[in-house]
Each structure stands twice: as C-alpha cells, then as structure tokens.
Amino acid sequence: MTNELRKAAENRTRAIAAARKAAEQIATEREERLARERATPTVTAEPLPEGPIGSGEAT
C-alpha cells in the first residue's frame, strides 16, 4: 500500500510539473505572437472613390 501511495504521489508530481511546463510554453508562445502582432504595421483603409464602381454603370 505504501509503495502504491508513493507511486501515486510521484505520478501526481510529474503531472503537475508537466502541466507547469505546458503552461509556460503556452505563455511564451502567446508573448511571442503578441510581439509579432505589435511589430506588424496596421493597414489603414483608403476612402472609397465617389461615384459608381466597376464597369456596370447604368446607361
């Protein structure tokens, strides 16, 4: 019984460590993505021209 409890505790400790590592990796990837997004210039739309657009003008 003692060995089973020890193994269960070791497994729990390993699972917690793996979860922490995964959370750190996710946080790092998120920070990198946000930094890339901040470094990318924002595209601003130009105002649409006045009048009909395209070749389908009314005759």
C-alpha atoms as a PDB file:
ATOM      1  CA  MET A   1       0.000   0.000   0.000  1.00  0.00           C
ATOM      2  CA  THR A   2       2.841   2.381   0.870  1.00  0.00           C
ATOM      3  CA  ASN A   3       4.516   1.768  -2.487  1.00  0.00           C
ATOM      4  CA  GLU A   4       1.241   2.452  -4.281  1.00  0.00           C
ATOM      5  CA  LEU A   5       0.825   5.749  -2.442  1.00  0.00           C
ATOM      6  CA  ARG A   6       4.427   6.699  -3.180  1.00  0.00           C
ATOM      7  CA  LYS A   7       3.970   5.922  -6.881  1.00  0.00           C
ATOM      8  CA  ALA A   8       0.707   7.867  -6.957  1.00  0.00           C
ATOM      9  CA  ALA A   9       2.424  10.857  -5.349  1.00  0.00           C
ATOM     10  CA  GLU A  10       5.299  10.645  -7.843  1.00  0.00           C
ATOM     11  CA  ASN A  11       2.851  10.460 -10.751  1.00  0.00           C
ATOM     12  CA  ARG A  12       0.955  13.458  -9.386  1.00  0.00           C
ATOM     13  CA  THR A  13       4.198  15.423  -9.004  1.00  0.00           C
ATOM     14  CA  ARG A  14       5.209  14.548 -12.576  1.00  0.00           C
ATOM     15  CA  ALA A  15       1.780  15.543 -13.887  1.00  0.00           C
ATOM     16  CA  ILE A  16       1.937  18.885 -12.077  1.00  0.00           C
ATOM     17  CA  ALA A  17       5.435  19.546 -13.452  1.00  0.00           C
ATOM     18  CA  ALA A  18       4.278  18.693 -16.979  1.00  0.00           C
ATOM     19  CA  ALA A  19       1.266  20.994 -16.626  1.00  0.00           C
ATOM     20  CA  ARG A  20       3.508  23.836 -15.420  1.00  0.00           C
ATOM     21  CA  LYS A  21       5.888  23.303 -18.320  1.00  0.00           C
ATOM     22  CA  ALA A  22       2.997  23.309 -20.802  1.00  0.00           C
ATOM     23  CA  ALA A  23       1.574  26.494 -19.258  1.00  0.00           C
ATOM     24  CA  GLU A  24       4.976  28.194 -19.509  1.00  0.00           C
ATOM     25  CA  GLN A  25       5.288  27.139 -23.160  1.00  0.00           C
ATOM     26  CA  ILE A  26       1.818  28.479 -23.950  1.00  0.00           C
ATOM     27  CA  ALA A  27       2.609  31.775 -22.202  1.00  0.00           C
ATOM     28  CA  THR A  28       5.898  32.101 -24.110  1.00  0.00           C
ATOM     29  CA  GLU A  29       4.221  31.408 -27.454  1.00  0.00           C
ATOM     30  CA  ARG A  30       1.481  33.921 -26.628  1.00  0.00           C
ATOM     31  CA  GLU A  31       4.034  36.610 -25.741  1.00  0.00           C
ATOM     32  CA  GLU A  32       5.932  35.959 -28.984  1.00  0.00           C
ATOM     33  CA  ARG A  33       2.724  36.118 -31.038  1.00  0.00           C
ATOM     34  CA  LEU A  34       1.663  39.372 -29.405  1.00  0.00           C
ATOM     35  CA  ALA A  35       5.121  40.859 -30.001  1.00  0.00           C
ATOM     36  CA  ARG A  36       4.905  39.911 -33.692  1.00  0.00           C
ATOM     37  CA  GLU A  37       1.436  41.428 -33.946  1.00  0.00           C
ATOM     38  CA  ARG A  38       2.629  44.666 -32.347  1.00  0.00           C
ATOM     39  CA  ALA A  39       5.584  44.792 -34.759  1.00  0.00           C
ATOM     40  CA  THR A  40       3.347  44.340 -37.819  1.00  0.00           C
ATOM     41  CA  PRO A  41       2.146  47.671 -39.207  1.00  0.00           C
ATOM     42  CA  THR A  42      -1.595  48.202 -39.211  1.00  0.00           C
ATOM     43  CA  VAL A  43      -3.182  48.505 -42.631  1.00  0.00           C
ATOM     44  CA  THR A  44      -5.449  51.507 -42.925  1.00  0.00           C
ATOM     45  CA  ALA A  45      -8.211  51.511 -45.496  1.00  0.00           C
ATOM     46  CA  GLU A  46      -8.360  54.300 -48.041  1.00  0.00           C
ATOM     47  CA  PRO A  47     -11.718  56.001 -48.521  1.00  0.00           C
ATOM     48  CA  LEU A  48     -13.800  54.650 -51.395  1.00  0.00           C
ATOM     49  CA  PRO A  49     -13.921  56.808 -54.521  1.00  0.00           C
ATOM     50  CA  GLU A  50     -17.057  58.805 -55.225  1.00  0.00           C
ATOM     51  CA  GLY A  51     -19.466  57.532 -57.870  1.00  0.00           C
ATOM     52  CA  PRO A  52     -20.168  54.118 -59.424  1.00  0.00           C
ATOM     53  CA  ILE A  53     -17.552  51.403 -59.124  1.00  0.00           C
ATOM     54  CA  GLY A  54     -16.834  48.876 -61.885  1.00  0.00           C
ATOM     55  CA  SER A  55     -17.913  48.557 -65.490  1.00  0.00           C
ATOM     56  CA  GLY A  56     -21.619  48.020 -64.776  1.00  0.00           C
ATOM     57  CA  GLU A  57     -22.596  51.680 -64.936  1.00  0.00           C
ATOM     58  CA  ALA A  58     -26.223  52.497 -65.730  1.00  0.00           C
ATOM     59  CA  THR A  59     -26.874  53.748 -69.272  1.00  0.00           C
END
